[in-house]
Protein backbone atom coordinates (compact mmCIF):
# COMPACT_ATOMS: atom_id res chain seq x y z
CA UNK A 1 340.12 148.13 -42.33
CA UNK A 2 340.30 151.92 -42.72
CA UNK A 3 337.40 153.78 -41.17
CA UNK A 4 336.92 157.54 -41.58
CA UNK A 5 334.55 160.20 -40.45
CA UNK A 6 333.29 160.37 -44.01
CA UNK A 7 332.33 156.71 -43.84
CA UNK A 8 330.39 157.25 -40.63
CA UNK A 9 328.52 160.30 -41.95
CA UNK A 10 327.58 158.43 -45.22
CA UNK A 11 326.00 155.52 -43.27
CA UNK A 12 324.18 158.12 -40.95
CA UNK A 13 322.97 159.94 -44.09
CA UNK A 14 321.61 156.79 -45.68
CA UNK A 15 319.79 155.95 -42.40
CA UNK A 16 318.25 159.45 -42.31
CA UNK A 17 317.18 159.42 -45.91
CA UNK A 18 315.47 156.04 -45.43
CA UNK A 19 313.67 157.29 -42.35
CA UNK A 20 312.44 160.40 -44.12
CA UNK A 21 310.53 158.18 -46.58
CA UNK A 22 308.89 156.02 -43.88
CA UNK A 23 305.54 157.58 -42.85
CA UNK A 24 305.45 155.60 -39.59
CA UNK A 25 308.94 156.93 -38.58
CA UNK A 26 308.42 160.33 -36.84
CA UNK A 27 311.90 160.67 -35.14
CA UNK A 28 315.31 158.96 -35.61
CA UNK A 29 317.87 159.39 -32.86
CA UNK A 30 321.44 158.18 -32.81
CA UNK A 31 322.87 157.21 -29.32
CA UNK A 32 325.97 155.69 -27.91
CA UNK A 33 329.55 156.21 -29.06
CA UNK A 34 328.71 157.39 -32.53
CA UNK A 35 326.63 160.26 -31.24
CA UNK A 36 329.36 161.51 -28.92
CA UNK A 37 331.80 164.07 -30.35
CA UNK A 38 335.39 162.86 -30.52
CA UNK A 39 334.46 159.43 -29.12
CA UNK A 40 336.77 156.55 -30.15
CA UNK A 41 335.01 154.67 -32.91
CA UNK A 42 336.08 152.15 -35.59
CA UNK A 43 334.70 150.13 -38.42
CA UNK A 44 333.06 147.75 -36.01
CA UNK A 45 331.30 150.40 -33.92
CA UNK A 46 327.56 149.76 -33.63
CA UNK A 47 325.01 152.24 -34.91
CA UNK A 48 322.42 152.55 -32.04
CA UNK A 49 319.33 154.12 -33.63
CA UNK A 50 316.06 154.73 -31.90
CA UNK A 51 313.13 154.86 -34.34
CA UNK A 52 310.08 156.72 -32.75
CA UNK A 53 307.09 155.30 -34.53
CA UNK A 54 303.46 156.24 -34.84
CA UNK A 55 302.80 152.54 -34.69
CA UNK A 56 305.50 149.90 -33.59
CA UNK A 57 303.60 146.79 -34.67
CA UNK A 58 304.38 146.90 -38.48
CA UNK A 59 308.11 147.19 -37.78
CA UNK A 60 307.91 144.57 -35.16
CA UNK A 61 305.91 141.98 -37.18
CA UNK A 62 307.75 142.32 -40.53
CA UNK A 63 311.57 142.36 -40.47
CA UNK A 64 312.08 142.77 -44.30
CA UNK A 65 312.67 146.51 -43.77
CA UNK A 66 315.97 145.66 -42.22
CA UNK A 67 317.21 144.67 -45.67
CA UNK A 68 317.15 148.30 -46.76
CA UNK A 69 320.68 148.67 -45.19
CA UNK A 70 322.11 145.57 -46.82
CA UNK A 71 322.01 141.71 -46.64
CA UNK A 72 321.32 140.66 -43.16
CA UNK A 73 323.69 138.15 -41.78
CA UNK A 74 322.06 137.41 -38.33
CA UNK A 75 319.42 139.27 -36.34
CA UNK A 76 317.90 139.22 -32.98
CA UNK A 77 314.41 140.63 -32.29
CA UNK A 78 313.46 141.89 -28.77
CA UNK A 79 310.03 140.88 -27.64
CA UNK A 80 307.38 143.53 -27.18
CA UNK A 81 307.90 144.91 -23.69
CA UNK A 82 306.15 147.62 -21.76
CA UNK A 83 307.79 150.92 -20.82
CA UNK A 84 305.82 153.69 -19.21
CA UNK A 85 302.71 151.92 -20.24
CA UNK A 86 303.55 151.51 -23.89
CA UNK A 87 305.06 148.60 -25.85
CA UNK A 88 308.51 148.85 -27.32
CA UNK A 89 310.74 146.50 -29.23
CA UNK A 90 314.05 146.38 -31.13
CA UNK A 91 316.34 144.55 -33.50
CA UNK A 92 320.03 143.77 -33.20
CA UNK A 93 321.08 143.50 -36.82
CA UNK A 94 324.43 142.33 -38.15
CA UNK A 95 324.99 142.89 -41.90
CA UNK A 96 327.36 140.76 -43.93
CA UNK A 97 329.39 143.84 -44.95
CA UNK A 98 330.36 144.36 -41.27
CA UNK A 99 327.74 147.09 -40.56
CA UNK A 100 325.87 146.61 -37.25
CA UNK A 101 322.75 148.48 -36.35
CA UNK A 102 320.91 148.13 -33.14
CA UNK A 103 317.46 149.50 -33.78
CA UNK A 104 315.18 150.43 -30.82
CA UNK A 105 311.52 150.66 -31.75
CA UNK A 106 309.54 153.17 -29.63
CA UNK A 107 306.08 154.53 -29.78
CA UNK A 108 305.93 158.40 -29.84
CA UNK A 109 304.55 158.49 -26.33
CA UNK A 110 307.82 157.20 -24.80
CA UNK A 111 309.84 160.10 -26.39
CA UNK A 112 307.24 162.57 -25.31
CA UNK A 113 307.56 161.49 -21.75
CA UNK A 114 311.40 161.68 -21.89
CA UNK A 115 311.19 165.17 -23.29
CA UNK A 116 308.86 166.23 -20.48
CA UNK A 117 311.02 164.69 -17.69
CA UNK A 118 313.33 166.82 -15.51
CA UNK A 119 316.36 164.47 -16.22
CA UNK A 120 317.52 162.57 -19.26
CA UNK A 121 317.79 158.75 -19.04
CA UNK A 122 321.36 157.56 -19.03
CA UNK A 123 321.16 156.43 -22.74
CA UNK A 124 320.45 160.02 -23.81
CA UNK A 125 322.64 161.78 -21.18
CA UNK A 126 325.64 159.80 -22.42
CA UNK A 127 325.20 161.43 -25.74
CA UNK A 128 322.53 161.61 -28.48
CA UNK A 129 322.08 163.07 -31.95
CA UNK A 130 318.72 163.76 -33.46
CA UNK A 131 318.76 162.68 -37.09
CA UNK A 132 315.27 163.26 -38.01
CA UNK A 133 312.27 164.94 -36.27
CA UNK A 134 309.22 165.35 -38.38
CA UNK A 135 306.96 166.68 -35.71
CA UNK A 136 309.41 168.75 -33.46
CA UNK A 137 308.99 166.38 -30.56
CA UNK A 138 312.66 166.77 -29.62
CA UNK A 139 312.68 170.63 -29.56
CA UNK A 140 312.54 170.60 -25.85
CA UNK A 141 314.82 167.63 -25.28
CA UNK A 142 317.59 168.57 -22.82
CA UNK A 143 321.19 168.50 -23.91
CA UNK A 144 323.33 165.63 -22.73
CA UNK A 145 326.05 166.12 -20.16
CA UNK A 146 328.00 163.19 -21.48
CA UNK A 147 328.65 161.99 -18.00
CA UNK A 148 326.31 159.02 -17.91
CA UNK A 149 328.01 155.67 -17.20
CA UNK A 150 330.86 157.12 -15.22
CA UNK A 151 330.96 155.10 -12.04
CA UNK A 152 330.05 156.86 -8.83
CA UNK A 153 331.82 156.55 -5.48
CA UNK A 154 330.59 153.44 -3.66
CA UNK A 155 329.40 153.42 -0.02
CA UNK A 156 331.09 151.17 2.28
CA UNK A 157 328.38 148.56 2.33
CA UNK A 158 328.68 148.18 -1.50
CA UNK A 159 332.41 147.86 -1.15
CA UNK A 160 332.17 145.17 1.48
CA UNK A 161 329.49 143.21 -0.47
CA UNK A 162 331.60 143.11 -3.64
CA UNK A 163 334.57 141.66 -1.65
CA UNK A 164 332.37 139.19 0.37
CA UNK A 165 330.44 137.85 -2.60
CA UNK A 166 333.61 137.58 -4.60
CA UNK A 167 335.11 135.18 -2.00
CA UNK A 168 331.78 133.25 -1.78
CA UNK A 169 332.13 132.70 -5.53
CA UNK A 170 335.57 131.46 -5.05
CA UNK A 171 334.35 128.61 -2.97
CA UNK A 172 332.19 127.48 -5.90
CA UNK A 173 335.20 127.67 -8.26
CA UNK A 174 337.23 125.50 -5.85
CA UNK A 175 334.47 123.03 -5.55
CA UNK A 176 334.14 122.74 -9.32
CA UNK A 177 337.97 122.48 -9.88
CA UNK A 178 338.10 119.71 -7.24
CA UNK A 179 335.43 117.93 -9.18
CA UNK A 180 337.28 118.59 -12.49
CA UNK A 181 334.17 120.31 -13.74
CA UNK A 182 336.14 122.83 -15.81
CA UNK A 183 333.34 124.43 -17.69
CA UNK A 184 331.51 125.43 -14.50
CA UNK A 185 334.62 126.49 -12.77
CA UNK A 186 335.64 128.81 -15.53
CA UNK A 187 332.24 130.27 -15.89
CA UNK A 188 332.04 131.14 -12.13
CA UNK A 189 335.61 132.55 -12.17
CA UNK A 190 335.47 134.52 -15.32
CA UNK A 191 331.91 135.75 -15.11
CA UNK A 192 331.11 136.14 -11.45
CA UNK A 193 334.36 136.58 -9.73
CA UNK A 194 335.88 138.76 -12.37
CA UNK A 195 333.13 140.46 -14.20
CA UNK A 196 330.61 140.90 -11.40
CA UNK A 197 332.85 141.60 -8.36
CA UNK A 198 336.48 142.29 -9.47
CA UNK A 199 335.60 144.57 -12.33
CA UNK A 200 333.71 147.12 -10.21
CA UNK A 201 336.63 147.23 -7.82
CA UNK A 202 339.02 147.81 -10.65
CA UNK A 203 336.81 150.50 -12.01
CA UNK A 204 336.57 152.25 -8.62
CA UNK A 205 340.39 152.16 -8.52
CA UNK A 206 340.83 153.79 -12.00
CA UNK A 207 338.08 156.40 -11.12
CA UNK A 208 340.13 157.37 -8.08
CA UNK A 209 343.22 157.67 -10.25
CA UNK A 210 341.24 159.78 -12.84
CA UNK A 211 339.09 161.84 -10.55
CA UNK A 212 335.82 160.03 -11.26
CA UNK A 213 335.81 161.37 -14.81
CA UNK A 214 336.31 158.47 -17.25
CA UNK A 215 334.07 155.65 -18.71
CA UNK A 216 335.43 152.09 -18.38
CA UNK A 217 332.82 150.78 -20.83
CA UNK A 218 330.73 147.69 -20.70
CA UNK A 219 332.45 144.43 -19.73
CA UNK A 220 335.59 146.28 -18.86
CA UNK A 221 336.30 147.38 -22.53
CA UNK A 222 338.45 150.35 -21.61
CA UNK A 223 340.21 148.95 -18.60
CA UNK A 224 343.41 148.50 -20.52
CA UNK A 225 343.42 152.22 -21.40
CA UNK A 226 342.66 153.69 -17.89
CA UNK A 227 343.79 151.03 -15.40
CA UNK A 228 347.26 151.35 -13.78
CA UNK A 229 349.65 149.14 -15.79
CA UNK A 230 350.64 146.76 -13.04
CA UNK A 231 346.93 146.03 -12.25
CA UNK A 232 346.25 145.39 -15.89
CA UNK A 233 349.17 143.04 -16.25
CA UNK A 234 347.95 141.22 -13.21
CA UNK A 235 344.49 141.02 -14.55
CA UNK A 236 345.76 139.50 -17.93
CA UNK A 237 347.64 136.86 -16.01
CA UNK A 238 344.34 135.58 -14.38
CA UNK A 239 343.20 134.23 -17.76
CA UNK A 240 344.41 130.79 -18.67
CA UNK A 241 343.64 127.65 -20.73
CA UNK A 242 341.88 124.49 -19.70
CA UNK A 243 344.46 122.78 -17.43
CA UNK A 244 343.39 121.96 -13.88
CA UNK A 245 346.48 123.14 -12.08
CA UNK A 246 346.69 126.43 -14.12
CA UNK A 247 343.10 127.20 -13.20
CA UNK A 248 343.75 126.67 -9.51
CA UNK A 249 346.66 129.14 -10.04
CA UNK A 250 344.41 131.58 -11.93
CA UNK A 251 341.91 131.51 -9.12
CA UNK A 252 344.48 132.49 -6.49
CA UNK A 253 345.89 135.18 -8.82
CA UNK A 254 342.35 136.59 -9.21
CA UNK A 255 342.08 136.73 -5.33
CA UNK A 256 345.48 138.31 -5.02
CA UNK A 257 344.49 140.99 -7.58
CA UNK A 258 341.16 141.58 -5.60
CA UNK A 259 343.06 141.89 -2.35
CA UNK A 260 345.58 144.40 -3.79
CA UNK A 261 342.97 146.47 -5.62
CA UNK A 262 340.42 146.50 -2.79
CA UNK A 263 343.04 147.32 -0.19
CA UNK A 264 344.12 150.37 -2.14
CA UNK A 265 340.41 151.43 -2.89
CA UNK A 266 339.54 151.08 0.76
CA UNK A 267 342.56 152.99 1.86
CA UNK A 268 341.54 155.91 -0.51
CA UNK A 269 337.89 155.88 0.50
CA UNK A 270 338.27 155.19 4.24
CA UNK A 271 336.94 151.71 4.09
CA UNK A 272 338.27 148.65 6.02
CA UNK A 273 339.42 145.68 3.94
CA UNK A 274 338.25 142.40 5.60
CA UNK A 275 341.62 140.72 6.04
CA UNK A 276 340.35 138.12 8.42
CA UNK A 277 337.63 136.84 6.11
CA UNK A 278 340.23 136.88 3.35
CA UNK A 279 342.66 134.78 5.30
CA UNK A 280 340.14 132.36 6.50
CA UNK A 281 338.59 131.78 2.99
CA UNK A 282 341.93 131.28 1.31
CA UNK A 283 342.85 128.74 4.00
CA UNK A 284 339.56 126.90 3.19
CA UNK A 285 340.17 127.00 -0.50
CA UNK A 286 343.72 125.53 -0.10
CA UNK A 287 342.12 122.78 1.97
CA UNK A 288 339.74 121.93 -0.83
CA UNK A 289 342.53 121.98 -3.35
CA UNK A 290 344.52 119.61 -1.30
CA UNK A 291 341.80 117.23 -0.37
CA UNK A 292 342.13 113.89 -1.91
CA UNK A 293 339.07 112.47 -3.73
C-alpha cells in the first residue's frame, strides 16, 4: 500500500477537527514516530494521541466516540490508573481500514504538571506535536531533544547481570527441551534469553558502533537496520521451527551469539566477560541434552 505525507496530514487534520468540536477535549498532542520530523513511517504506523480532558470519565465510560474515525475492528481499554494523583486511561483502537490510533486519556492536571517540570518525560522528549490547545496549557512546554529511548552506556554490574541471567534462563530451556515441553522452551528462549537479555547486549553493541546516537526501537524493531550484518545473520539463525533437535541447536546458537556480542561489548567498555561461568554452564547444558530419560 502506498502511503504519503498527504495521507498522514489528512488523518491528523481529521483528528484535530474532531477534537475542536469536543468541549471536554482541551488539548490534543501527537507523540511517537508520526510526531518526529523525517521519522520512517508507513501505512501501518500508529497514531499515538494524548487527549487532555476536563473530565476523563465520559470518554472512559462510553467508547462510541471511537467510531468517529471509522468502524472499529478491535479495541483494548486501559483501566483507570493513577498518575501524579489523578486518574488516566486510554484506548488502543484498530480500525478495519488499517488505521490504528492509540488514545491516551489525561486529565488537564497531568499535562500542567509536565509543563511545570524541569525535564520532559521520555514520551515527550522523543518527539511531540501539539495538534490543539484551547487553553494555552502547552505554551511553556519545553521542546523535545528527540534523544529519548536511545540506550545509555551500561555500568559493569548491569552488563554482568545480563549475561548471568541469560545463562540461568538457558538452564530452563534445556530442562524444558529435555522434557519435550516445546511451548515452554520456546517461550523462555525467545522471550527471556533473546528479548530480555540478548537484545540489550546487541543494542549496546550497535550503540558503540554508532556512537550512542540511534534508536533500536521496541522489541528490536530496528536491529536489522543498525546491527552489524554478521551479528544480524547469526540472530536470524537462532529462530527455528518446532523440532526438538533444531531447538537444542537454536539454544546453543543463541549462546554463541551472546558470547560473541558480549565479549566485543566488554572489550570496548573495559568489562570482563565471565568465560568460566560460560564454559561451566554450557557443559551443564550438554549433560542435560545427553541425559537419557
